[in-house]
Amino acid sequence: GRRDTACAPAGLPLRMARLLALRRSCALACALMAFVVALGSPAALAFGSKAKAEGAVELTDRTFSRTKDGSTWFVKMYAPWCGHCKKLAPAWDELANKVKPQNINVAKVDCTAYKSLCSSLGVSGYPTLLTFKDGAPVGSKYQGNRDVDSLAAHITSVHSAEL
């Protein structure tokens, strides 16, 4: 079998490209992996992809416990069909990148997929913006302005405050 990795899309880790070439379906495999790398998926990142994951972290009912890691979390509870949620999405990802150097985590939870988690947190409308420090809710839901600077000012002040 030929082990040519010439079809590997830009940014595809060499190790993954070699594995794909072994399967002798390089065209299909490369098209699939180009898509995976473009998404910056955990599968691509696990193979050492240089694709940079940016924006808010997607939490699930299984990974929500990460909010108990001792740091500050600002979490958007949303529904994919919600117009207000869609409008907030670019600012939310920008916020995540802006506050990341301060060790503040910005995340999102799809409440249509994780209804029981959202229900347990008292979410009844979208988007609901909640703040956590070491897993404990801080205050009630955020109801301020939804521009990046206002969101950053809020989460930075929560992060700086002692519980």
N, C-alpha and C. Protein backbone atom coordinates (compact mmCIF):
# COMPACT_ATOMS: atom_id res chain seq x y z
N GLY A 1 0.81 -1.19 0.00
CA GLY A 1 0.00 0.00 0.00
C GLY A 1 0.85 1.25 0.00
N ARG A 2 0.40 2.19 -0.73
CA ARG A 2 1.09 3.47 -0.84
C ARG A 2 0.75 4.34 0.36
N ARG A 3 1.72 5.02 0.92
CA ARG A 3 1.51 5.86 2.09
C ARG A 3 1.73 7.32 1.76
N ASP A 4 1.19 7.74 0.67
CA ASP A 4 1.35 9.13 0.21
C ASP A 4 0.40 10.03 0.98
N THR A 5 0.93 11.13 1.50
CA THR A 5 0.10 12.08 2.24
C THR A 5 -0.05 13.39 1.48
N ALA A 6 0.17 13.34 0.18
CA ALA A 6 0.11 14.56 -0.63
C ALA A 6 -1.29 15.17 -0.66
N CYS A 7 -2.31 14.36 -0.42
CA CYS A 7 -3.66 14.89 -0.48
C CYS A 7 -4.06 15.58 0.81
N ALA A 8 -3.22 15.55 1.81
CA ALA A 8 -3.58 16.11 3.11
C ALA A 8 -3.87 17.60 2.98
N PRO A 9 -5.03 18.05 3.50
CA PRO A 9 -5.36 19.47 3.46
C PRO A 9 -4.43 20.26 4.36
N ALA A 10 -4.31 21.53 4.09
CA ALA A 10 -3.46 22.39 4.91
C ALA A 10 -3.92 22.33 6.35
N GLY A 11 -2.96 22.19 7.27
CA GLY A 11 -3.29 22.16 8.68
C GLY A 11 -3.60 20.76 9.21
N LEU A 12 -3.69 19.76 8.34
CA LEU A 12 -3.97 18.40 8.80
C LEU A 12 -2.68 17.82 9.38
N PRO A 13 -2.73 17.34 10.60
CA PRO A 13 -1.53 16.77 11.20
C PRO A 13 -1.02 15.60 10.37
N LEU A 14 0.29 15.51 10.23
CA LEU A 14 0.91 14.47 9.41
C LEU A 14 0.50 13.07 9.89
N ARG A 15 0.43 12.88 11.19
CA ARG A 15 0.05 11.58 11.74
C ARG A 15 -1.32 11.16 11.22
N MET A 16 -2.28 12.08 11.22
CA MET A 16 -3.63 11.76 10.75
C MET A 16 -3.62 11.53 9.24
N ALA A 17 -2.85 12.32 8.52
CA ALA A 17 -2.78 12.17 7.06
C ALA A 17 -2.23 10.79 6.70
N ARG A 18 -1.25 10.32 7.44
CA ARG A 18 -0.68 8.99 7.17
C ARG A 18 -1.71 7.89 7.43
N LEU A 19 -2.47 8.05 8.52
CA LEU A 19 -3.51 7.07 8.83
C LEU A 19 -4.55 7.02 7.71
N LEU A 20 -4.90 8.16 7.19
CA LEU A 20 -5.89 8.22 6.13
C LEU A 20 -5.37 7.60 4.84
N ALA A 21 -4.11 7.86 4.54
CA ALA A 21 -3.53 7.33 3.31
C ALA A 21 -3.49 5.81 3.36
N LEU A 22 -3.34 5.24 4.54
CA LEU A 22 -3.33 3.79 4.68
C LEU A 22 -4.68 3.18 4.30
N ARG A 23 -5.73 3.93 4.39
CA ARG A 23 -7.06 3.44 4.09
C ARG A 23 -7.36 3.40 2.59
N ARG A 24 -6.48 3.93 1.76
CA ARG A 24 -6.60 3.93 0.30
C ARG A 24 -7.85 4.66 -0.21
N SER A 25 -8.37 5.51 0.57
CA SER A 25 -9.51 6.32 0.12
C SER A 25 -9.18 7.78 0.37
N CYS A 26 -8.05 8.16 -0.15
CA CYS A 26 -7.49 9.46 0.13
C CYS A 26 -8.42 10.62 -0.22
N ALA A 27 -9.05 10.60 -1.36
CA ALA A 27 -9.90 11.73 -1.78
C ALA A 27 -11.04 11.94 -0.80
N LEU A 28 -11.76 10.89 -0.49
CA LEU A 28 -12.87 11.00 0.45
C LEU A 28 -12.37 11.34 1.85
N ALA A 29 -11.34 10.66 2.28
CA ALA A 29 -10.80 10.89 3.61
C ALA A 29 -10.29 12.32 3.76
N CYS A 30 -9.61 12.81 2.75
CA CYS A 30 -9.08 14.17 2.83
C CYS A 30 -10.19 15.20 2.83
N ALA A 31 -11.23 14.95 2.07
CA ALA A 31 -12.37 15.88 2.07
C ALA A 31 -13.02 15.89 3.45
N LEU A 32 -13.18 14.72 4.04
CA LEU A 32 -13.76 14.62 5.37
C LEU A 32 -12.87 15.31 6.40
N MET A 33 -11.58 15.04 6.35
CA MET A 33 -10.68 15.63 7.34
C MET A 33 -10.51 17.13 7.15
N ALA A 34 -10.60 17.63 5.93
CA ALA A 34 -10.56 19.07 5.70
C ALA A 34 -11.74 19.72 6.41
N PHE A 35 -12.88 19.05 6.34
CA PHE A 35 -14.08 19.54 7.02
C PHE A 35 -13.88 19.51 8.54
N VAL A 36 -13.34 18.41 9.06
CA VAL A 36 -13.11 18.28 10.50
C VAL A 36 -12.12 19.33 10.98
N VAL A 37 -11.02 19.50 10.26
CA VAL A 37 -10.01 20.49 10.64
C VAL A 37 -10.60 21.90 10.58
N ALA A 38 -11.41 22.17 9.57
CA ALA A 38 -12.01 23.49 9.45
C ALA A 38 -12.91 23.79 10.64
N LEU A 39 -13.55 22.78 11.17
CA LEU A 39 -14.41 22.97 12.35
C LEU A 39 -13.60 23.10 13.63
N GLY A 40 -12.34 22.68 13.59
CA GLY A 40 -11.53 22.73 14.80
C GLY A 40 -12.05 21.77 15.85
N SER A 41 -12.53 20.63 15.41
CA SER A 41 -13.18 19.69 16.32
C SER A 41 -12.19 19.07 17.29
N PRO A 42 -12.70 18.54 18.41
CA PRO A 42 -11.83 17.84 19.35
C PRO A 42 -11.09 16.68 18.70
N ALA A 43 -11.71 16.02 17.71
CA ALA A 43 -11.04 14.91 17.04
C ALA A 43 -9.79 15.41 16.32
N ALA A 44 -9.91 16.52 15.63
CA ALA A 44 -8.75 17.07 14.94
C ALA A 44 -7.72 17.57 15.94
N LEU A 45 -8.18 18.21 17.00
CA LEU A 45 -7.26 18.74 18.00
C LEU A 45 -6.53 17.62 18.72
N ALA A 46 -7.19 16.48 18.90
CA ALA A 46 -6.58 15.35 19.59
C ALA A 46 -5.41 14.80 18.80
N PHE A 47 -5.41 14.97 17.51
CA PHE A 47 -4.32 14.50 16.67
C PHE A 47 -3.25 15.56 16.49
N GLY A 48 -3.30 16.64 17.26
CA GLY A 48 -2.25 17.65 17.21
C GLY A 48 -2.47 18.71 16.16
N SER A 49 -3.67 18.93 15.74
CA SER A 49 -3.93 19.95 14.74
C SER A 49 -3.52 21.31 15.25
N LYS A 50 -3.05 22.14 14.36
CA LYS A 50 -2.67 23.49 14.71
C LYS A 50 -3.87 24.43 14.63
N ALA A 51 -5.04 23.89 14.31
CA ALA A 51 -6.25 24.70 14.26
C ALA A 51 -6.53 25.24 15.66
N LYS A 52 -6.76 26.52 15.77
CA LYS A 52 -6.95 27.16 17.05
C LYS A 52 -8.43 27.21 17.39
N ALA A 53 -8.79 26.62 18.52
CA ALA A 53 -10.17 26.67 18.97
C ALA A 53 -10.40 28.04 19.60
N GLU A 54 -11.38 28.76 19.10
CA GLU A 54 -11.66 30.09 19.62
C GLU A 54 -13.12 30.18 19.99
N GLY A 55 -13.40 31.18 20.79
CA GLY A 55 -14.77 31.43 21.16
C GLY A 55 -15.16 30.69 22.42
N ALA A 56 -16.46 30.68 22.68
CA ALA A 56 -17.00 30.09 23.89
C ALA A 56 -16.87 28.56 23.86
N VAL A 57 -16.69 28.00 25.04
CA VAL A 57 -16.61 26.55 25.21
C VAL A 57 -18.04 26.01 25.23
N GLU A 58 -18.29 24.94 24.49
CA GLU A 58 -19.60 24.30 24.49
C GLU A 58 -19.63 23.28 25.63
N LEU A 59 -20.50 23.50 26.61
CA LEU A 59 -20.64 22.57 27.72
C LEU A 59 -21.85 21.67 27.51
N THR A 60 -21.79 20.48 28.08
CA THR A 60 -22.89 19.52 28.02
C THR A 60 -23.26 19.16 29.45
N ASP A 61 -24.24 18.29 29.60
CA ASP A 61 -24.60 17.85 30.95
C ASP A 61 -23.44 17.09 31.59
N ARG A 62 -22.61 16.46 30.80
CA ARG A 62 -21.45 15.73 31.33
C ARG A 62 -20.26 16.63 31.62
N THR A 63 -20.10 17.72 30.88
CA THR A 63 -18.92 18.58 31.07
C THR A 63 -19.23 19.83 31.89
N PHE A 64 -20.48 20.02 32.28
CA PHE A 64 -20.84 21.21 33.05
C PHE A 64 -20.10 21.27 34.38
N SER A 65 -19.67 20.13 34.88
CA SER A 65 -18.93 20.09 36.15
C SER A 65 -17.61 20.86 36.05
N ARG A 66 -17.18 21.18 34.85
CA ARG A 66 -15.96 21.99 34.69
C ARG A 66 -16.10 23.35 35.36
N THR A 67 -17.35 23.80 35.57
CA THR A 67 -17.55 25.10 36.23
C THR A 67 -17.14 25.04 37.70
N LYS A 68 -16.82 23.84 38.20
CA LYS A 68 -16.39 23.68 39.59
C LYS A 68 -14.87 23.62 39.71
N ASP A 69 -14.16 24.06 38.67
CA ASP A 69 -12.70 23.93 38.65
C ASP A 69 -11.97 25.02 39.41
N GLY A 70 -12.70 25.86 40.14
CA GLY A 70 -12.05 26.91 40.94
C GLY A 70 -11.95 28.23 40.22
N SER A 71 -12.38 28.29 38.97
CA SER A 71 -12.27 29.54 38.22
C SER A 71 -13.65 30.18 38.02
N THR A 72 -13.65 31.29 37.30
CA THR A 72 -14.88 32.03 37.02
C THR A 72 -15.41 31.61 35.66
N TRP A 73 -16.72 31.39 35.59
CA TRP A 73 -17.38 30.98 34.35
C TRP A 73 -18.57 31.88 34.09
N PHE A 74 -18.72 32.30 32.85
CA PHE A 74 -19.89 33.06 32.39
C PHE A 74 -20.53 32.17 31.33
N VAL A 75 -21.74 31.70 31.60
CA VAL A 75 -22.36 30.67 30.76
C VAL A 75 -23.65 31.18 30.13
N LYS A 76 -23.72 31.05 28.82
CA LYS A 76 -24.93 31.40 28.06
C LYS A 76 -25.75 30.14 27.85
N MET A 77 -26.97 30.16 28.37
CA MET A 77 -27.91 29.07 28.15
C MET A 77 -28.76 29.51 26.96
N TYR A 78 -28.76 28.72 25.89
CA TYR A 78 -29.38 29.18 24.65
C TYR A 78 -30.15 28.08 23.94
N ALA A 79 -30.91 28.49 22.94
CA ALA A 79 -31.59 27.57 22.02
C ALA A 79 -31.14 27.97 20.61
N PRO A 80 -30.77 27.00 19.79
CA PRO A 80 -30.27 27.31 18.44
C PRO A 80 -31.25 28.10 17.58
N TRP A 81 -32.54 27.98 17.81
CA TRP A 81 -33.56 28.66 17.00
C TRP A 81 -33.85 30.08 17.50
N CYS A 82 -33.33 30.44 18.66
CA CYS A 82 -33.62 31.72 19.30
C CYS A 82 -32.93 32.88 18.58
N GLY A 83 -33.70 33.85 18.12
CA GLY A 83 -33.15 35.01 17.42
C GLY A 83 -32.22 35.85 18.28
N HIS A 84 -32.59 36.07 19.55
CA HIS A 84 -31.73 36.85 20.46
C HIS A 84 -30.41 36.11 20.71
N CYS A 85 -30.48 34.80 20.78
CA CYS A 85 -29.27 33.99 20.98
C CYS A 85 -28.34 34.09 19.78
N LYS A 86 -28.92 34.01 18.59
CA LYS A 86 -28.13 34.13 17.36
C LYS A 86 -27.47 35.49 17.28
N LYS A 87 -28.21 36.53 17.68
CA LYS A 87 -27.66 37.89 17.64
C LYS A 87 -26.51 38.05 18.63
N LEU A 88 -26.61 37.39 19.78
CA LEU A 88 -25.58 37.48 20.82
C LEU A 88 -24.33 36.65 20.50
N ALA A 89 -24.46 35.63 19.66
CA ALA A 89 -23.37 34.67 19.43
C ALA A 89 -22.03 35.29 19.06
N PRO A 90 -21.95 36.23 18.10
CA PRO A 90 -20.63 36.80 17.78
C PRO A 90 -20.00 37.55 18.95
N ALA A 91 -20.80 38.30 19.69
CA ALA A 91 -20.29 39.03 20.85
C ALA A 91 -19.83 38.05 21.93
N TRP A 92 -20.56 36.95 22.09
CA TRP A 92 -20.22 35.96 23.10
C TRP A 92 -18.87 35.31 22.80
N ASP A 93 -18.64 34.96 21.53
CA ASP A 93 -17.35 34.40 21.14
C ASP A 93 -16.23 35.42 21.27
N GLU A 94 -16.51 36.67 20.92
CA GLU A 94 -15.51 37.74 21.07
C GLU A 94 -15.17 37.94 22.55
N LEU A 95 -16.20 37.90 23.39
CA LEU A 95 -15.99 38.02 24.83
C LEU A 95 -15.07 36.90 25.33
N ALA A 96 -15.32 35.68 24.89
CA ALA A 96 -14.51 34.54 25.31
C ALA A 96 -13.04 34.77 25.00
N ASN A 97 -12.76 35.28 23.82
CA ASN A 97 -11.37 35.54 23.43
C ASN A 97 -10.78 36.71 24.21
N LYS A 98 -11.61 37.69 24.52
CA LYS A 98 -11.15 38.90 25.23
C LYS A 98 -10.76 38.59 26.68
N VAL A 99 -11.53 37.78 27.38
CA VAL A 99 -11.28 37.54 28.80
C VAL A 99 -10.45 36.29 29.09
N LYS A 100 -10.18 35.51 28.07
CA LYS A 100 -9.39 34.29 28.25
C LYS A 100 -8.03 34.55 28.91
N PRO A 101 -7.30 35.62 28.53
CA PRO A 101 -6.00 35.87 29.18
C PRO A 101 -6.12 36.13 30.69
N GLN A 102 -7.31 36.49 31.15
CA GLN A 102 -7.53 36.75 32.59
C GLN A 102 -7.98 35.48 33.31
N ASN A 103 -7.93 34.34 32.63
CA ASN A 103 -8.37 33.05 33.17
C ASN A 103 -9.84 33.05 33.54
N ILE A 104 -10.63 33.72 32.72
CA ILE A 104 -12.08 33.72 32.85
C ILE A 104 -12.62 32.86 31.72
N ASN A 105 -13.50 31.95 32.04
CA ASN A 105 -14.06 31.03 31.05
C ASN A 105 -15.44 31.51 30.60
N VAL A 106 -15.66 31.49 29.30
CA VAL A 106 -16.96 31.83 28.72
C VAL A 106 -17.45 30.58 28.00
N ALA A 107 -18.67 30.18 28.33
CA ALA A 107 -19.20 28.93 27.80
C ALA A 107 -20.64 29.10 27.36
N LYS A 108 -21.16 28.04 26.73
CA LYS A 108 -22.55 28.04 26.29
C LYS A 108 -23.10 26.63 26.42
N VAL A 109 -24.41 26.56 26.66
CA VAL A 109 -25.09 25.28 26.79
C VAL A 109 -26.33 25.33 25.90
N ASP A 110 -26.46 24.35 25.02
CA ASP A 110 -27.62 24.23 24.15
C ASP A 110 -28.75 23.59 24.98
N CYS A 111 -29.71 24.41 25.36
CA CYS A 111 -30.79 23.93 26.23
C CYS A 111 -31.78 23.02 25.50
N THR A 112 -31.75 22.99 24.18
CA THR A 112 -32.61 22.04 23.47
C THR A 112 -32.03 20.63 23.55
N ALA A 113 -30.72 20.54 23.72
CA ALA A 113 -30.06 19.25 23.83
C ALA A 113 -29.91 18.80 25.28
N TYR A 114 -29.83 19.76 26.21
CA TYR A 114 -29.59 19.44 27.63
C TYR A 114 -30.67 20.09 28.48
N LYS A 115 -31.91 19.68 28.22
CA LYS A 115 -33.08 20.27 28.89
C LYS A 115 -33.04 20.11 30.40
N SER A 116 -32.63 18.95 30.88
CA SER A 116 -32.64 18.72 32.33
C SER A 116 -31.62 19.61 33.03
N LEU A 117 -30.46 19.81 32.43
CA LEU A 117 -29.45 20.70 33.00
C LEU A 117 -29.99 22.12 33.09
N CYS A 118 -30.56 22.60 32.00
CA CYS A 118 -31.08 23.97 31.97
C CYS A 118 -32.23 24.14 32.95
N SER A 119 -33.08 23.14 33.03
CA SER A 119 -34.21 23.18 33.96
C SER A 119 -33.71 23.23 35.40
N SER A 120 -32.68 22.45 35.71
CA SER A 120 -32.14 22.43 37.08
C SER A 120 -31.52 23.76 37.47
N LEU A 121 -31.14 24.56 36.47
CA LEU A 121 -30.56 25.89 36.73
C LEU A 121 -31.62 26.99 36.67
N GLY A 122 -32.87 26.61 36.48
CA GLY A 122 -33.96 27.58 36.49
C GLY A 122 -34.10 28.38 35.20
N VAL A 123 -33.56 27.86 34.11
CA VAL A 123 -33.64 28.57 32.84
C VAL A 123 -35.06 28.44 32.28
N SER A 124 -35.67 29.59 31.99
CA SER A 124 -37.03 29.56 31.44
C SER A 124 -37.14 30.38 30.16
N GLY A 125 -36.10 31.10 29.79
CA GLY A 125 -36.08 31.89 28.56
C GLY A 125 -34.67 31.96 28.02
N TYR A 126 -34.57 32.38 26.78
CA TYR A 126 -33.25 32.39 26.12
C TYR A 126 -32.94 33.76 25.53
N PRO A 127 -31.68 34.13 25.53
CA PRO A 127 -30.59 33.49 26.26
C PRO A 127 -30.65 33.87 27.74
N THR A 128 -30.20 32.96 28.58
CA THR A 128 -30.03 33.23 30.00
C THR A 128 -28.54 33.20 30.27
N LEU A 129 -28.02 34.27 30.86
CA LEU A 129 -26.59 34.40 31.12
C LEU A 129 -26.34 34.23 32.61
N LEU A 130 -25.61 33.18 32.96
CA LEU A 130 -25.35 32.84 34.36
C LEU A 130 -23.87 32.90 34.66
N THR A 131 -23.55 33.29 35.89
CA THR A 131 -22.17 33.39 36.33
C THR A 131 -21.91 32.38 37.44
N PHE A 132 -20.75 31.71 37.36
CA PHE A 132 -20.37 30.72 38.37
C PHE A 132 -18.94 30.96 38.81
N LYS A 133 -18.70 30.78 40.10
CA LYS A 133 -17.34 30.79 40.64
C LYS A 133 -17.19 29.52 41.44
N ASP A 134 -16.25 28.69 41.06
CA ASP A 134 -16.02 27.39 41.68
C ASP A 134 -17.31 26.58 41.77
N GLY A 135 -18.10 26.63 40.70
CA GLY A 135 -19.32 25.84 40.60
C GLY A 135 -20.54 26.45 41.24
N ALA A 136 -20.35 27.49 42.04
CA ALA A 136 -21.48 28.11 42.73
C ALA A 136 -22.02 29.28 41.90
N PRO A 137 -23.34 29.37 41.76
CA PRO A 137 -23.90 30.52 41.04
C PRO A 137 -23.57 31.81 41.79
N VAL A 138 -23.26 32.85 41.02
CA VAL A 138 -22.96 34.16 41.60
C VAL A 138 -24.07 35.11 41.17
N GLY A 139 -24.84 35.57 42.14
CA GLY A 139 -25.93 36.48 41.83
C GLY A 139 -27.02 35.79 41.02
N SER A 140 -27.89 36.61 40.46
CA SER A 140 -28.94 36.08 39.59
C SER A 140 -28.48 36.20 38.15
N LYS A 141 -29.36 35.90 37.21
CA LYS A 141 -28.96 35.96 35.81
C LYS A 141 -28.59 37.40 35.42
N TYR A 142 -27.63 37.50 34.52
CA TYR A 142 -27.17 38.80 34.04
C TYR A 142 -28.25 39.44 33.18
N GLN A 143 -28.56 40.70 33.47
CA GLN A 143 -29.60 41.39 32.71
C GLN A 143 -29.13 42.72 32.14
N GLY A 144 -27.81 42.93 32.11
CA GLY A 144 -27.27 44.18 31.59
C GLY A 144 -27.20 44.21 30.08
N ASN A 145 -26.49 45.21 29.57
CA ASN A 145 -26.29 45.34 28.12
C ASN A 145 -25.53 44.14 27.59
N ARG A 146 -25.76 43.84 26.32
CA ARG A 146 -25.17 42.63 25.74
C ARG A 146 -24.09 42.92 24.71
N ASP A 147 -23.44 44.05 24.85
CA ASP A 147 -22.27 44.34 24.01
C ASP A 147 -21.04 43.77 24.72
N VAL A 148 -19.98 43.56 23.98
CA VAL A 148 -18.78 42.91 24.52
C VAL A 148 -18.22 43.66 25.71
N ASP A 149 -18.14 44.97 25.65
CA ASP A 149 -17.55 45.74 26.75
C ASP A 149 -18.36 45.61 28.04
N SER A 150 -19.68 45.67 27.93
CA SER A 150 -20.54 45.53 29.12
C SER A 150 -20.43 44.13 29.71
N LEU A 151 -20.45 43.13 28.86
CA LEU A 151 -20.32 41.75 29.32
C LEU A 151 -18.96 41.53 29.98
N ALA A 152 -17.91 42.08 29.37
CA ALA A 152 -16.55 41.93 29.92
C ALA A 152 -16.43 42.64 31.27
N ALA A 153 -17.02 43.83 31.38
CA ALA A 153 -16.97 44.57 32.65
C ALA A 153 -17.65 43.76 33.75
N HIS A 154 -18.79 43.16 33.43
CA HIS A 154 -19.51 42.35 34.42
C HIS A 154 -18.68 41.16 34.88
N ILE A 155 -18.22 40.36 33.95
CA ILE A 155 -17.53 39.12 34.34
C ILE A 155 -16.18 39.42 34.97
N THR A 156 -15.53 40.49 34.57
CA THR A 156 -14.26 40.87 35.18
C THR A 156 -14.47 41.29 36.63
N SER A 157 -15.56 42.03 36.90
CA SER A 157 -15.82 42.45 38.28
C SER A 157 -16.18 41.24 39.14
N VAL A 158 -16.93 40.29 38.61
CA VAL A 158 -17.25 39.06 39.35
C VAL A 158 -15.98 38.28 39.63
N HIS A 159 -15.13 38.19 38.64
CA HIS A 159 -13.87 37.45 38.76
C HIS A 159 -12.98 38.07 39.83
N SER A 160 -12.95 39.38 39.90
CA SER A 160 -12.09 40.08 40.86
C SER A 160 -12.63 40.07 42.28
N ALA A 161 -13.94 39.95 42.43
CA ALA A 161 -14.59 40.00 43.75
C ALA A 161 -14.35 38.70 44.51
N GLU A 162 -14.27 38.82 45.81
CA GLU A 162 -14.16 37.65 46.69
C GLU A 162 -15.57 37.12 46.95
N LEU A 163 -15.70 35.81 47.03
CA LEU A 163 -17.00 35.21 47.39
C LEU A 163 -17.25 35.32 48.87
